[in-house]
Amino acid sequence: MAAQLLLVDDEPGLREAVKDYLQESGFSVQVASNAREGWELVQQNTPDLVISDIMMPEMNGLDLCKQI
């Protein structure tokens, strides 16, 4: 079973590039375009690892990590 990753980044191009790379490496990847969306996904299905951008509007990645 592939490890479940959550990728949180507000930059669509970077988010998709990293997602594609991780999936090609055998990981199952969920993506969120902001920290609040990432938090909602964590509550629905706890990932094995969260990869998050730090500087995002509204709620930053550090606050997301603290909340998790």
C-alpha atoms as a PDB file:
ATOM      1  CA  MET A   1       0.000   0.000   0.000  1.00  0.00           C
ATOM      2  CA  ALA A   2       1.381   3.404  -0.993  1.00  0.00           C
ATOM      3  CA  ALA A   3       2.048   6.032   1.643  1.00  0.00           C
ATOM      4  CA  GLN A   4      -0.646   8.705   1.771  1.00  0.00           C
ATOM      5  CA  LEU A   5       0.723  12.239   1.330  1.00  0.00           C
ATOM      6  CA  LEU A   6      -0.980  15.598   1.552  1.00  0.00           C
ATOM      7  CA  LEU A   7       0.575  18.399  -0.487  1.00  0.00           C
ATOM      8  CA  VAL A   8      -0.516  21.941   0.392  1.00  0.00           C
ATOM      9  CA  ASP A   9       0.605  24.804  -1.849  1.00  0.00           C
ATOM     10  CA  ASP A  10      -1.122  27.880  -3.255  1.00  0.00           C
ATOM     11  CA  GLU A  11       0.950  27.902  -6.487  1.00  0.00           C
ATOM     12  CA  PRO A  12      -0.919  25.684  -8.999  1.00  0.00           C
ATOM     13  CA  GLY A  13       2.050  24.977 -11.282  1.00  0.00           C
ATOM     14  CA  LEU A  14       4.374  23.981  -8.480  1.00  0.00           C
ATOM     15  CA  ARG A  15       1.651  21.984  -6.735  1.00  0.00           C
ATOM     16  CA  GLU A  16       0.915  19.949  -9.854  1.00  0.00           C
ATOM     17  CA  ALA A  17       4.597  19.384 -10.685  1.00  0.00           C
ATOM     18  CA  VAL A  18       5.376  18.106  -7.182  1.00  0.00           C
ATOM     19  CA  LYS A  19       2.209  15.996  -7.151  1.00  0.00           C
ATOM     20  CA  ASP A  20       3.139  14.363 -10.458  1.00  0.00           C
ATOM     21  CA  TYR A  21       6.680  13.656  -9.256  1.00  0.00           C
ATOM     22  CA  LEU A  22       5.469  12.101  -6.007  1.00  0.00           C
ATOM     23  CA  GLN A  23       2.868   9.967  -7.778  1.00  0.00           C
ATOM     24  CA  GLU A  24       5.484   8.744 -10.254  1.00  0.00           C
ATOM     25  CA  SER A  25       7.587   7.807  -7.219  1.00  0.00           C
ATOM     26  CA  GLY A  26       4.777   5.554  -5.971  1.00  0.00           C
ATOM     27  CA  PHE A  27       3.011   7.749  -3.425  1.00  0.00           C
ATOM     28  CA  SER A  28      -0.709   8.407  -3.162  1.00  0.00           C
ATOM     29  CA  VAL A  29      -1.083  12.204  -3.131  1.00  0.00           C
ATOM     30  CA  GLN A  30      -3.957  14.464  -2.155  1.00  0.00           C
ATOM     31  CA  VAL A  31      -3.572  18.165  -2.864  1.00  0.00           C
ATOM     32  CA  ALA A  32      -4.926  21.324  -1.280  1.00  0.00           C
ATOM     33  CA  SER A  33      -4.592  24.851  -2.620  1.00  0.00           C
ATOM     34  CA  ASN A  34      -4.531  26.476   0.832  1.00  0.00           C
ATOM     35  CA  ALA A  35      -4.084  25.607   4.496  1.00  0.00           C
ATOM     36  CA  ARG A  36      -7.795  25.619   5.323  1.00  0.00           C
ATOM     37  CA  GLU A  37      -8.496  23.127   2.553  1.00  0.00           C
ATOM     38  CA  GLY A  38      -5.544  21.060   3.776  1.00  0.00           C
ATOM     39  CA  TRP A  39      -6.964  21.062   7.307  1.00  0.00           C
ATOM     40  CA  GLU A  40     -10.319  19.806   6.004  1.00  0.00           C
ATOM     41  CA  LEU A  41      -8.570  16.965   4.137  1.00  0.00           C
ATOM     42  CA  VAL A  42      -6.562  16.009   7.245  1.00  0.00           C
ATOM     43  CA  GLN A  43      -9.791  15.738   9.232  1.00  0.00           C
ATOM     44  CA  GLN A  44     -11.344  13.459   6.584  1.00  0.00           C
ATOM     45  CA  ASN A  45      -8.355  11.161   6.086  1.00  0.00           C
ATOM     46  CA  THR A  46      -5.155  11.419   8.142  1.00  0.00           C
ATOM     47  CA  PRO A  47      -2.161  11.313   5.780  1.00  0.00           C
ATOM     48  CA  ASP A  48       1.169   9.661   6.570  1.00  0.00           C
ATOM     49  CA  LEU A  49       2.994  12.888   5.693  1.00  0.00           C
ATOM     50  CA  VAL A  50       2.054  16.514   5.061  1.00  0.00           C
ATOM     51  CA  ILE A  51       4.184  18.647   2.744  1.00  0.00           C
ATOM     52  CA  SER A  52       3.210  22.286   3.016  1.00  0.00           C
ATOM     53  CA  ASP A  53       4.270  25.631   1.650  1.00  0.00           C
ATOM     54  CA  ILE A  54       4.955  28.073   4.479  1.00  0.00           C
ATOM     55  CA  MET A  55       3.912  31.397   2.967  1.00  0.00           C
ATOM     56  CA  MET A  56       0.259  31.214   1.918  1.00  0.00           C
ATOM     57  CA  PRO A  57      -2.583  33.725   2.234  1.00  0.00           C
ATOM     58  CA  GLU A  58      -5.054  33.594   5.133  1.00  0.00           C
ATOM     59  CA  MET A  59      -3.492  30.702   7.083  1.00  0.00           C
ATOM     60  CA  ASN A  60       0.192  29.895   6.619  1.00  0.00           C
ATOM     61  CA  GLY A  61       1.843  26.487   6.602  1.00  0.00           C
ATOM     62  CA  LEU A  62       3.274  26.847  10.104  1.00  0.00           C
ATOM     63  CA  ASP A  63      -0.194  27.486  11.507  1.00  0.00           C
ATOM     64  CA  LEU A  64      -1.444  24.424   9.633  1.00  0.00           C
ATOM     65  CA  CYS A  65       1.300  22.294  11.189  1.00  0.00           C
ATOM     66  CA  LYS A  66       0.456  23.620  14.653  1.00  0.00           C
ATOM     67  CA  GLN A  67      -3.221  22.857  14.081  1.00  0.00           C
ATOM     68  CA  ILE A  68      -2.470  19.314  12.946  1.00  0.00           C
END
